PDB file of N, CA and C in Angstrom:
ATOM      1  N   UNK A   1     101.350  81.603 106.096  1.00  0.00           N
ATOM      2  CA  UNK A   1     102.192  82.768 106.315  1.00  0.00           C
ATOM      3  C   UNK A   1     101.406  84.023 105.935  1.00  0.00           C
ATOM      4  N   UNK A   2     101.366  84.970 106.839  1.00  0.00           N
ATOM      5  CA  UNK A   2     100.650  86.214 106.597  1.00  0.00           C
ATOM      6  C   UNK A   2     101.577  87.273 106.024  1.00  0.00           C
ATOM      7  N   UNK A   3     101.062  88.019 105.082  1.00  0.00           N
ATOM      8  CA  UNK A   3     101.814  89.128 104.498  1.00  0.00           C
ATOM      9  C   UNK A   3     101.335  90.406 105.174  1.00  0.00           C
ATOM     10  N   UNK A   4     102.248  91.309 105.424  1.00  0.00           N
ATOM     11  CA  UNK A   4     101.892  92.603 105.997  1.00  0.00           C
ATOM     12  C   UNK A   4     100.841  93.273 105.119  1.00  0.00           C
ATOM     13  N   UNK A   5      99.915  94.056 105.692  1.00  0.00           N
ATOM     14  CA  UNK A   5      98.816  94.636 104.909  1.00  0.00           C
ATOM     15  C   UNK A   5      99.254  95.520 103.740  1.00  0.00           C
ATOM     16  N   UNK A   6     100.305  96.301 103.898  1.00  0.00           N
ATOM     17  CA  UNK A   6     100.714  97.213 102.824  1.00  0.00           C
ATOM     18  C   UNK A   6     101.268  96.453 101.619  1.00  0.00           C
ATOM     19  N   UNK A   7     102.237  95.555 101.783  1.00  0.00           N
ATOM     20  CA  UNK A   7     102.696  94.802 100.608  1.00  0.00           C
ATOM     21  C   UNK A   7     101.584  93.970  99.968  1.00  0.00           C
ATOM     22  N   UNK A   8     100.694  93.421 100.782  1.00  0.00           N
ATOM     23  CA  UNK A   8      99.587  92.631 100.233  1.00  0.00           C
ATOM     24  C   UNK A   8      98.669  93.498  99.381  1.00  0.00           C
ATOM     25  N   UNK A   9      98.366  94.694  99.867  1.00  0.00           N
ATOM     26  CA  UNK A   9      97.497  95.593  99.109  1.00  0.00           C
ATOM     27  C   UNK A   9      98.176  96.056  97.824  1.00  0.00           C
ATOM     28  N   UNK A  10      99.467  96.372  97.900  1.00  0.00           N
ATOM     29  CA  UNK A  10     100.197  96.792  96.697  1.00  0.00           C
ATOM     30  C   UNK A  10     100.232  95.675  95.660  1.00  0.00           C
ATOM     31  N   UNK A  11     100.508  94.459  96.114  1.00  0.00           N
ATOM     32  CA  UNK A  11     100.561  93.323  95.198  1.00  0.00           C
ATOM     33  C   UNK A  11      99.200  93.080  94.560  1.00  0.00           C
ATOM     34  N   UNK A  12      98.156  93.120  95.361  1.00  0.00           N
ATOM     35  CA  UNK A  12      96.805  92.904  94.833  1.00  0.00           C
ATOM     36  C   UNK A  12      96.438  93.968  93.804  1.00  0.00           C
ATOM     37  N   UNK A  13      96.784  95.218  94.075  1.00  0.00           N
ATOM     38  CA  UNK A  13      96.488  96.293  93.124  1.00  0.00           C
ATOM     39  C   UNK A  13      97.298  96.129  91.842  1.00  0.00           C
ATOM     40  N   UNK A  14      98.550  95.716  91.975  1.00  0.00           N
ATOM     41  CA  UNK A  14      99.395  95.515  90.802  1.00  0.00           C
ATOM     42  C   UNK A  14      98.821  94.398  89.921  1.00  0.00           C
ATOM     43  N   UNK A  15      98.429  93.290  90.538  1.00  0.00           N
ATOM     44  CA  UNK A  15      97.866  92.176  89.779  1.00  0.00           C
ATOM     45  C   UNK A  15      96.552  92.560  89.105  1.00  0.00           C
ATOM     46  N   UNK A  16      95.731  93.330  89.797  1.00  0.00           N
ATOM     47  CA  UNK A  16      94.460  93.769  89.209  1.00  0.00           C
ATOM     48  C   UNK A  16      94.703  94.697  88.026  1.00  0.00           C
ATOM     49  N   UNK A  17      95.666  95.581  88.155  1.00  0.00           N
ATOM     50  CA  UNK A  17      95.976  96.497  87.049  1.00  0.00           C
ATOM     51  C   UNK A  17      96.509  95.732  85.845  1.00  0.00           C
ATOM     52  N   UNK A  18      97.353  94.744  86.082  1.00  0.00           N
ATOM     53  CA  UNK A  18      97.875  93.938  84.971  1.00  0.00           C
ATOM     54  C   UNK A  18      96.762  93.147  84.296  1.00  0.00           C
ATOM     55  N   UNK A  19      95.865  92.579  85.089  1.00  0.00           N
ATOM     56  CA  UNK A  19      94.749  91.824  84.511  1.00  0.00           C
ATOM     57  C   UNK A  19      93.858  92.745  83.679  1.00  0.00           C
ATOM     58  N   UNK A  20      93.614  93.954  84.170  1.00  0.00           N
ATOM     59  CA  UNK A  20      92.793  94.901  83.414  1.00  0.00           C
ATOM     60  C   UNK A  20      93.456  95.255  82.095  1.00  0.00           C
ATOM     61  N   UNK A  21      94.768  95.397  82.107  1.00  0.00           N
ATOM     62  CA  UNK A  21      95.498  95.736  80.890  1.00  0.00           C
ATOM     63  C   UNK A  21      95.492  94.577  79.900  1.00  0.00           C
ATOM     64  N   UNK A  22      95.729  93.372  80.400  1.00  0.00           N
ATOM     65  CA  UNK A  22      95.858  92.211  79.526  1.00  0.00           C
ATOM     66  C   UNK A  22      94.496  91.649  79.106  1.00  0.00           C
ATOM     67  N   UNK A  23      93.584  91.509  80.072  1.00  0.00           N
ATOM     68  CA  UNK A  23      92.310  90.834  79.811  1.00  0.00           C
ATOM     69  C   UNK A  23      91.152  91.783  79.527  1.00  0.00           C
ATOM     70  N   UNK A  24      91.266  93.019  80.002  1.00  0.00           N
ATOM     71  CA  UNK A  24      90.178  93.983  79.861  1.00  0.00           C
ATOM     72  C   UNK A  24      89.376  94.091  81.148  1.00  0.00           C
ATOM     73  N   UNK A  25      88.662  95.197  81.275  1.00  0.00           N
ATOM     74  CA  UNK A  25      87.909  95.453  82.504  1.00  0.00           C
ATOM     75  C   UNK A  25      86.725  94.520  82.700  1.00  0.00           C
ATOM     76  N   UNK A  26      86.168  93.997  81.627  1.00  0.00           N
ATOM     77  CA  UNK A  26      84.973  93.155  81.739  1.00  0.00           C
ATOM     78  C   UNK A  26      85.306  91.693  82.036  1.00  0.00           C
ATOM     79  N   UNK A  27      86.557  91.323  82.013  1.00  0.00           N
ATOM     80  CA  UNK A  27      86.941  89.920  82.215  1.00  0.00           C
ATOM     81  C   UNK A  27      86.709  89.509  83.673  1.00  0.00           C
ATOM     82  N   UNK A  28      86.179  88.303  83.894  1.00  0.00           N
ATOM     83  CA  UNK A  28      85.917  87.839  85.268  1.00  0.00           C
ATOM     84  C   UNK A  28      87.166  87.818  86.163  1.00  0.00           C
ATOM     85  N   UNK A  29      88.330  87.487  85.596  1.00  0.00           N
ATOM     86  CA  UNK A  29      89.554  87.487  86.396  1.00  0.00           C
ATOM     87  C   UNK A  29      89.865  88.889  86.912  1.00  0.00           C
ATOM     88  N   UNK A  30      89.663  89.876  86.064  1.00  0.00           N
ATOM     89  CA  UNK A  30      89.882  91.262  86.486  1.00  0.00           C
ATOM     90  C   UNK A  30      88.952  91.613  87.639  1.00  0.00           C
ATOM     91  N   UNK A  31      87.696  91.195  87.563  1.00  0.00           N
ATOM     92  CA  UNK A  31      86.739  91.480  88.641  1.00  0.00           C
ATOM     93  C   UNK A  31      87.180  90.851  89.955  1.00  0.00           C
ATOM     94  N   UNK A  32      87.634  89.608  89.882  1.00  0.00           N
ATOM     95  CA  UNK A  32      88.085  88.908  91.094  1.00  0.00           C
ATOM     96  C   UNK A  32      89.299  89.617  91.697  1.00  0.00           C
ATOM     97  N   UNK A  33      90.248  89.988  90.846  1.00  0.00           N
ATOM     98  CA  UNK A  33      91.456  90.645  91.351  1.00  0.00           C
ATOM     99  C   UNK A  33      91.174  92.046  91.868  1.00  0.00           C
ATOM    100  N   UNK A  34      90.237  92.763  91.253  1.00  0.00           N
ATOM    101  CA  UNK A  34      89.848  94.074  91.780  1.00  0.00           C
ATOM    102  C   UNK A  34      89.177  93.934  93.149  1.00  0.00           C
ATOM    103  N   UNK A  35      88.357  92.906  93.308  1.00  0.00           N
ATOM    104  CA  UNK A  35      87.726  92.655  94.609  1.00  0.00           C
ATOM    105  C   UNK A  35      88.787  92.305  95.660  1.00  0.00           C
ATOM    106  N   UNK A  36      89.777  91.511  95.270  1.00  0.00           N
ATOM    107  CA  UNK A  36      90.857  91.166  96.205  1.00  0.00           C
ATOM    108  C   UNK A  36      91.661  92.404  96.580  1.00  0.00           C
ATOM    109  N   UNK A  37      91.901  93.282  95.610  1.00  0.00           N
ATOM    110  CA  UNK A  37      92.644  94.517  95.896  1.00  0.00           C
ATOM    111  C   UNK A  37      91.852  95.414  96.845  1.00  0.00           C
ATOM    112  N   UNK A  38      90.556  95.511  96.631  1.00  0.00           N
ATOM    113  CA  UNK A  38      89.723  96.326  97.522  1.00  0.00           C
ATOM    114  C   UNK A  38      89.710  95.754  98.935  1.00  0.00           C
ATOM    115  N   UNK A  39      89.637  94.441  99.035  1.00  0.00           N
ATOM    116  CA  UNK A  39      89.646  93.789 100.346  1.00  0.00           C
ATOM    117  C   UNK A  39      90.987  94.016 101.054  1.00  0.00           C
ATOM    118  N   UNK A  40      92.078  93.868 100.319  1.00  0.00           N
ATOM    119  CA  UNK A  40      93.406  94.080 100.913  1.00  0.00           C
ATOM    120  C   UNK A  40      93.573  95.526 101.365  1.00  0.00           C
ATOM    121  N   UNK A  41      93.089  96.464 100.568  1.00  0.00           N
ATOM    122  CA  UNK A  41      93.174  97.881 100.956  1.00  0.00           C
ATOM    123  C   UNK A  41      92.336  98.151 102.205  1.00  0.00           C
ATOM    124  N   UNK A  42      91.160  97.550 102.282  1.00  0.00           N
ATOM    125  CA  UNK A  42      90.310  97.729 103.467  1.00  0.00           C
ATOM    126  C   UNK A  42      90.966  97.133 104.709  1.00  0.00           C
ATOM    127  N   UNK A  43      91.622  95.988 104.549  1.00  0.00           N
ATOM    128  CA  UNK A  43      92.313  95.382 105.683  1.00  0.00           C
ATOM    129  C   UNK A  43      93.483  96.244 106.151  1.00  0.00           C
ATOM    130  N   UNK A  44      94.190  96.845 105.201  1.00  0.00           N
ATOM    131  CA  UNK A  44      95.284  97.750 105.575  1.00  0.00           C
ATOM    132  C   UNK A  44      94.727  98.955 106.333  1.00  0.00           C
ATOM    133  N   UNK A  45      93.612  99.486 105.856  1.00  0.00           N
ATOM    134  CA  UNK A  45      92.965 100.629 106.514  1.00  0.00           C
ATOM    135  C   UNK A  45      92.543 100.241 107.931  1.00  0.00           C
ATOM    136  N   UNK A  46      91.915  99.069 108.061  1.00  0.00           N
ATOM    137  CA  UNK A  46      91.464  98.611 109.373  1.00  0.00           C
ATOM    138  C   UNK A  46      92.633  98.352 110.323  1.00  0.00           C
ATOM    139  N   UNK A  47      93.805  98.034 109.764  1.00  0.00           N
ATOM    140  CA  UNK A  47      94.993  97.805 110.587  1.00  0.00           C
ATOM    141  C   UNK A  47      95.643  99.123 111.017  1.00  0.00           C
ATOM    142  N   UNK A  48      95.086 100.232 110.562  1.00  0.00           N
ATOM    143  CA  UNK A  48      95.591 101.536 110.988  1.00  0.00           C
ATOM    144  C   UNK A  48      96.484 102.243 109.989  1.00  0.00           C
ATOM    145  N   UNK A  49      96.648 101.671 108.810  1.00  0.00           N
ATOM    146  CA  UNK A  49      97.471 102.320 107.789  1.00  0.00           C
ATOM    147  C   UNK A  49      96.649 103.380 107.067  1.00  0.00           C
ATOM    148  N   UNK A  50      97.338 104.426 106.627  1.00  0.00           N
ATOM    149  CA  UNK A  50      96.662 105.477 105.883  1.00  0.00           C
ATOM    150  C   UNK A  50      96.861 105.252 104.396  1.00  0.00           C
ATOM    151  N   UNK A  51      96.059 105.925 103.599  1.00  0.00           N
ATOM    152  CA  UNK A  51      96.156 105.793 102.141  1.00  0.00           C
ATOM    153  C   UNK A  51      97.554 106.177 101.673  1.00  0.00           C
ATOM    154  N   UNK A  52      98.155 107.164 102.308  1.00  0.00           N
ATOM    155  CA  UNK A  52      99.490 107.596 101.893  1.00  0.00           C
ATOM    156  C   UNK A  52     100.553 106.534 102.177  1.00  0.00           C
ATOM    157  N   UNK A  53     100.254 105.578 103.059  1.00  0.00           N
ATOM    158  CA  UNK A  53     101.180 104.468 103.281  1.00  0.00           C
ATOM    159  C   UNK A  53     101.212 103.545 102.062  1.00  0.00           C
ATOM    160  N   UNK A  54     100.070 103.434 101.407  1.00  0.00           N
ATOM    161  CA  UNK A  54      99.956 102.572 100.235  1.00  0.00           C
ATOM    162  C   UNK A  54     100.339 103.306  98.959  1.00  0.00           C
ATOM    163  N   UNK A  55      99.983 104.571  98.893  1.00  0.00           N
ATOM    164  CA  UNK A  55     100.258 105.392  97.712  1.00  0.00           C
ATOM    165  C   UNK A  55     101.031 106.633  98.132  1.00  0.00           C
ATOM    166  N   UNK A  56     102.347 106.529  98.255  1.00  0.00           N
ATOM    167  CA  UNK A  56     103.119 107.709  98.650  1.00  0.00           C
ATOM    168  C   UNK A  56     103.010 108.803  97.593  1.00  0.00           C
ATOM    169  N   UNK A  57     103.127 110.027  98.040  1.00  0.00           N
ATOM    170  CA  UNK A  57     103.033 111.171  97.127  1.00  0.00           C
ATOM    171  C   UNK A  57     104.169 111.113  96.111  1.00  0.00           C
ATOM    172  N   UNK A  58     103.840 111.419  94.886  1.00  0.00           N
ATOM    173  CA  UNK A  58     104.857 111.466  93.842  1.00  0.00           C
ATOM    174  C   UNK A  58     105.524 112.828  93.863  1.00  0.00           C
ATOM    175  N   UNK A  59     106.774 112.870  93.466  1.00  0.00           N
ATOM    176  CA  UNK A  59     107.412 114.179  93.371  1.00  0.00           C
ATOM    177  C   UNK A  59     106.721 115.007  92.306  1.00  0.00           C
ATOM    178  N   UNK A  60     106.702 116.307  92.510  1.00  0.00           N
ATOM    179  CA  UNK A  60     106.023 117.176  91.565  1.00  0.00           C
ATOM    180  C   UNK A  60     106.706 117.102  90.202  1.00  0.00           C
ATOM    181  N   UNK A  61     105.887 117.105  89.173  1.00  0.00           N
ATOM    182  CA  UNK A  61     106.408 117.074  87.814  1.00  0.00           C
ATOM    183  C   UNK A  61     106.176 118.418  87.164  1.00  0.00           C
ATOM    184  N   UNK A  62     107.157 118.865  86.433  1.00  0.00           N
ATOM    185  CA  UNK A  62     107.001 120.109  85.694  1.00  0.00           C
ATOM    186  C   UNK A  62     106.471 119.789  84.304  1.00  0.00           C
ATOM    187  N   UNK A  63     105.489 120.549  83.887  1.00  0.00           N
ATOM    188  CA  UNK A  63     104.933 120.340  82.558  1.00  0.00           C
ATOM    189  C   UNK A  63     105.853 120.979  81.520  1.00  0.00           C
ATOM    190  N   UNK A  64     105.914 120.414  80.332  1.00  0.00           N
ATOM    191  CA  UNK A  64     106.762 121.000  79.287  1.00  0.00           C
ATOM    192  C   UNK A  64     106.368 122.450  79.000  1.00  0.00           C
ATOM    193  N   UNK A  65     107.330 123.310  78.961  1.00  0.00           N
ATOM    194  CA  UNK A  65     107.085 124.726  78.677  1.00  0.00           C
ATOM    195  C   UNK A  65     106.576 125.495  79.878  1.00  0.00           C
ATOM    196  N   UNK A  66     106.578 124.848  81.080  1.00  0.00           N
ATOM    197  CA  UNK A  66     106.018 125.543  82.215  1.00  0.00           C
ATOM    198  C   UNK A  66     106.912 125.788  83.334  1.00  0.00           C
TER     199      UNK A  66
END
């Protein structure tokens, strides 16, 4: 079963971020998951999706006192 490129890329990035948080950046699992996230993002790009499809703009935040 194939997953659409955008959910696959989001999931891969989420897993890589969690591994980096839990295991650290130097851990081999983190490296594998970062490579998978990069591959998924490249596949989404090749399928015609834009970066904003994967990372929608956040609403503007006001800084305290500003």
